[in-house]
Amino acid sequence: MVVVISLSITVSNIYLTGALGNILCKIFISGSAHTCLLNAFVVSLMAITIERYLKVVYPFWSKKKIKR
């Protein structure tokens, strides 16, 4: 969804002046939104992977220490 918004803002002929133009440029056109979402996705996958690893390798420890 962010890709569609970014491409539509980039392709459209919007004048990037004022506060709104500054925000659109910094977030969407520069690619900051893509980078933030990609980093959040990677961190969440890493957390799930570590949790599953602990549950498989250390089942008794994970039952005591990891909450549901």
N, C-alpha and C. Protein backbone atom coordinates (compact mmCIF):
# COMPACT_ATOMS: atom_id res chain seq x y z
N MET A 1 0.82 -1.19 0.00
CA MET A 1 0.00 0.00 0.00
C MET A 1 0.87 1.26 0.00
N VAL A 2 1.94 1.23 0.75
CA VAL A 2 2.83 2.39 0.81
C VAL A 2 3.50 2.61 -0.54
N VAL A 3 3.79 1.53 -1.24
CA VAL A 3 4.42 1.64 -2.55
C VAL A 3 3.49 2.35 -3.53
N VAL A 4 2.21 2.00 -3.48
CA VAL A 4 1.23 2.64 -4.36
C VAL A 4 1.11 4.12 -4.05
N ILE A 5 1.07 4.47 -2.78
CA ILE A 5 0.97 5.89 -2.39
C ILE A 5 2.22 6.64 -2.83
N SER A 6 3.39 6.05 -2.59
CA SER A 6 4.63 6.73 -2.97
C SER A 6 4.74 6.93 -4.47
N LEU A 7 4.41 5.91 -5.23
CA LEU A 7 4.49 6.04 -6.69
C LEU A 7 3.45 7.03 -7.22
N SER A 8 2.27 7.05 -6.64
CA SER A 8 1.26 8.00 -7.12
C SER A 8 1.65 9.44 -6.79
N ILE A 9 2.28 9.66 -5.66
CA ILE A 9 2.74 11.02 -5.33
C ILE A 9 3.91 11.42 -6.23
N THR A 10 4.81 10.47 -6.49
CA THR A 10 5.97 10.77 -7.33
C THR A 10 5.56 11.05 -8.77
N VAL A 11 4.63 10.27 -9.30
CA VAL A 11 4.22 10.42 -10.70
C VAL A 11 3.32 11.63 -10.91
N SER A 12 2.48 11.92 -9.92
CA SER A 12 1.55 13.04 -10.09
C SER A 12 2.31 14.37 -10.11
N ASN A 13 1.65 15.35 -10.62
CA ASN A 13 2.27 16.66 -10.79
C ASN A 13 1.88 17.58 -9.62
N ILE A 14 2.31 17.21 -8.41
CA ILE A 14 1.99 17.98 -7.21
C ILE A 14 3.16 18.93 -6.93
N TYR A 15 2.82 20.19 -6.65
CA TYR A 15 3.84 21.15 -6.25
C TYR A 15 4.18 20.91 -4.79
N LEU A 16 5.43 20.62 -4.51
CA LEU A 16 5.85 20.32 -3.15
C LEU A 16 6.36 21.58 -2.47
N THR A 17 5.44 22.45 -2.11
CA THR A 17 5.79 23.67 -1.41
C THR A 17 5.05 23.70 -0.09
N GLY A 18 5.61 24.40 0.85
CA GLY A 18 4.97 24.54 2.15
C GLY A 18 5.21 23.34 3.05
N ALA A 19 4.46 23.30 4.15
CA ALA A 19 4.64 22.25 5.14
C ALA A 19 4.20 20.89 4.60
N LEU A 20 3.08 20.83 3.89
CA LEU A 20 2.61 19.56 3.35
C LEU A 20 3.57 19.01 2.30
N GLY A 21 4.09 19.85 1.46
CA GLY A 21 5.06 19.41 0.46
C GLY A 21 6.33 18.90 1.10
N ASN A 22 6.75 19.56 2.17
CA ASN A 22 7.95 19.13 2.88
C ASN A 22 7.74 17.75 3.49
N ILE A 23 6.58 17.51 4.10
CA ILE A 23 6.29 16.22 4.71
C ILE A 23 6.19 15.13 3.64
N LEU A 24 5.50 15.41 2.55
CA LEU A 24 5.38 14.43 1.47
C LEU A 24 6.74 14.06 0.90
N CYS A 25 7.59 15.05 0.75
CA CYS A 25 8.92 14.80 0.20
C CYS A 25 9.75 13.95 1.15
N LYS A 26 9.74 14.30 2.43
CA LYS A 26 10.58 13.58 3.40
C LYS A 26 10.11 12.15 3.63
N ILE A 27 8.81 11.91 3.63
CA ILE A 27 8.31 10.58 3.96
C ILE A 27 8.18 9.70 2.72
N PHE A 28 7.48 10.17 1.71
CA PHE A 28 7.12 9.29 0.61
C PHE A 28 8.12 9.29 -0.54
N ILE A 29 8.54 10.45 -0.97
CA ILE A 29 9.40 10.51 -2.15
C ILE A 29 10.82 10.04 -1.83
N SER A 30 11.30 10.32 -0.62
CA SER A 30 12.66 9.90 -0.27
C SER A 30 12.75 8.41 0.03
N GLY A 31 11.62 7.75 0.28
CA GLY A 31 11.64 6.31 0.55
C GLY A 31 11.75 5.96 2.02
N SER A 32 11.55 6.92 2.89
CA SER A 32 11.64 6.65 4.33
C SER A 32 10.55 5.70 4.80
N ALA A 33 9.37 5.82 4.23
CA ALA A 33 8.26 4.95 4.63
C ALA A 33 8.59 3.50 4.27
N HIS A 34 9.17 3.28 3.09
CA HIS A 34 9.54 1.93 2.69
C HIS A 34 10.56 1.34 3.65
N THR A 35 11.56 2.13 3.97
CA THR A 35 12.64 1.65 4.84
C THR A 35 12.13 1.32 6.23
N CYS A 36 11.30 2.17 6.79
CA CYS A 36 10.76 1.93 8.13
C CYS A 36 9.91 0.67 8.17
N LEU A 37 9.05 0.48 7.19
CA LEU A 37 8.21 -0.71 7.16
C LEU A 37 9.02 -1.98 6.93
N LEU A 38 10.03 -1.91 6.10
CA LEU A 38 10.88 -3.07 5.86
C LEU A 38 11.64 -3.45 7.12
N ASN A 39 12.18 -2.46 7.83
CA ASN A 39 12.90 -2.75 9.08
C ASN A 39 11.96 -3.33 10.13
N ALA A 40 10.75 -2.83 10.24
CA ALA A 40 9.79 -3.37 11.21
C ALA A 40 9.44 -4.81 10.87
N PHE A 41 9.30 -5.11 9.59
CA PHE A 41 8.99 -6.47 9.16
C PHE A 41 10.13 -7.42 9.52
N VAL A 42 11.36 -7.02 9.28
CA VAL A 42 12.51 -7.87 9.57
C VAL A 42 12.65 -8.11 11.08
N VAL A 43 12.46 -7.07 11.88
CA VAL A 43 12.57 -7.21 13.34
C VAL A 43 11.49 -8.15 13.87
N SER A 44 10.28 -8.04 13.37
CA SER A 44 9.22 -8.92 13.84
C SER A 44 9.48 -10.37 13.45
N LEU A 45 10.00 -10.61 12.25
CA LEU A 45 10.36 -11.98 11.86
C LEU A 45 11.49 -12.54 12.71
N MET A 46 12.45 -11.70 13.07
CA MET A 46 13.54 -12.15 13.93
C MET A 46 13.03 -12.52 15.32
N ALA A 47 12.11 -11.73 15.86
CA ALA A 47 11.56 -12.02 17.18
C ALA A 47 10.78 -13.33 17.17
N ILE A 48 10.00 -13.57 16.13
CA ILE A 48 9.24 -14.82 16.04
C ILE A 48 10.20 -16.01 15.90
N THR A 49 11.26 -15.84 15.12
CA THR A 49 12.23 -16.92 14.93
C THR A 49 12.93 -17.27 16.22
N ILE A 50 13.33 -16.27 16.99
CA ILE A 50 14.02 -16.52 18.26
C ILE A 50 13.07 -17.20 19.25
N GLU A 51 11.84 -16.75 19.28
CA GLU A 51 10.87 -17.37 20.19
C GLU A 51 10.65 -18.84 19.84
N ARG A 52 10.47 -19.13 18.56
CA ARG A 52 10.27 -20.52 18.15
C ARG A 52 11.50 -21.38 18.42
N TYR A 53 12.68 -20.82 18.22
CA TYR A 53 13.92 -21.55 18.50
C TYR A 53 14.00 -21.91 19.99
N LEU A 54 13.69 -20.96 20.86
CA LEU A 54 13.74 -21.22 22.29
C LEU A 54 12.72 -22.27 22.70
N LYS A 55 11.54 -22.25 22.08
CA LYS A 55 10.52 -23.23 22.42
C LYS A 55 10.91 -24.64 21.98
N VAL A 56 11.64 -24.77 20.89
CA VAL A 56 12.03 -26.09 20.41
C VAL A 56 13.27 -26.61 21.14
N VAL A 57 14.27 -25.77 21.31
CA VAL A 57 15.54 -26.22 21.88
C VAL A 57 15.48 -26.32 23.41
N TYR A 58 14.80 -25.38 24.06
CA TYR A 58 14.70 -25.37 25.51
C TYR A 58 13.23 -25.40 25.93
N PRO A 59 12.55 -26.54 25.79
CA PRO A 59 11.10 -26.56 26.04
C PRO A 59 10.73 -26.31 27.50
N PHE A 60 11.49 -26.87 28.45
CA PHE A 60 11.13 -26.68 29.86
C PHE A 60 11.42 -25.26 30.32
N TRP A 61 12.53 -24.70 29.88
CA TRP A 61 12.86 -23.32 30.24
C TRP A 61 11.83 -22.35 29.65
N SER A 62 11.43 -22.60 28.42
CA SER A 62 10.49 -21.69 27.77
C SER A 62 9.11 -21.76 28.41
N LYS A 63 8.71 -22.94 28.94
CA LYS A 63 7.42 -23.02 29.62
C LYS A 63 7.41 -22.18 30.90
N LYS A 64 8.56 -22.11 31.57
CA LYS A 64 8.64 -21.33 32.80
C LYS A 64 8.81 -19.83 32.54
N LYS A 65 9.66 -19.50 31.59
CA LYS A 65 10.08 -18.10 31.43
C LYS A 65 9.26 -17.31 30.40
N ILE A 66 8.80 -17.95 29.33
CA ILE A 66 8.09 -17.22 28.27
C ILE A 66 6.60 -17.27 28.55
N LYS A 67 6.00 -16.11 28.63
CA LYS A 67 4.55 -16.01 28.89
C LYS A 67 3.79 -16.23 27.59
N ARG A 68 2.54 -16.53 27.70
CA ARG A 68 1.69 -16.69 26.51
C ARG A 68 1.33 -15.35 25.95
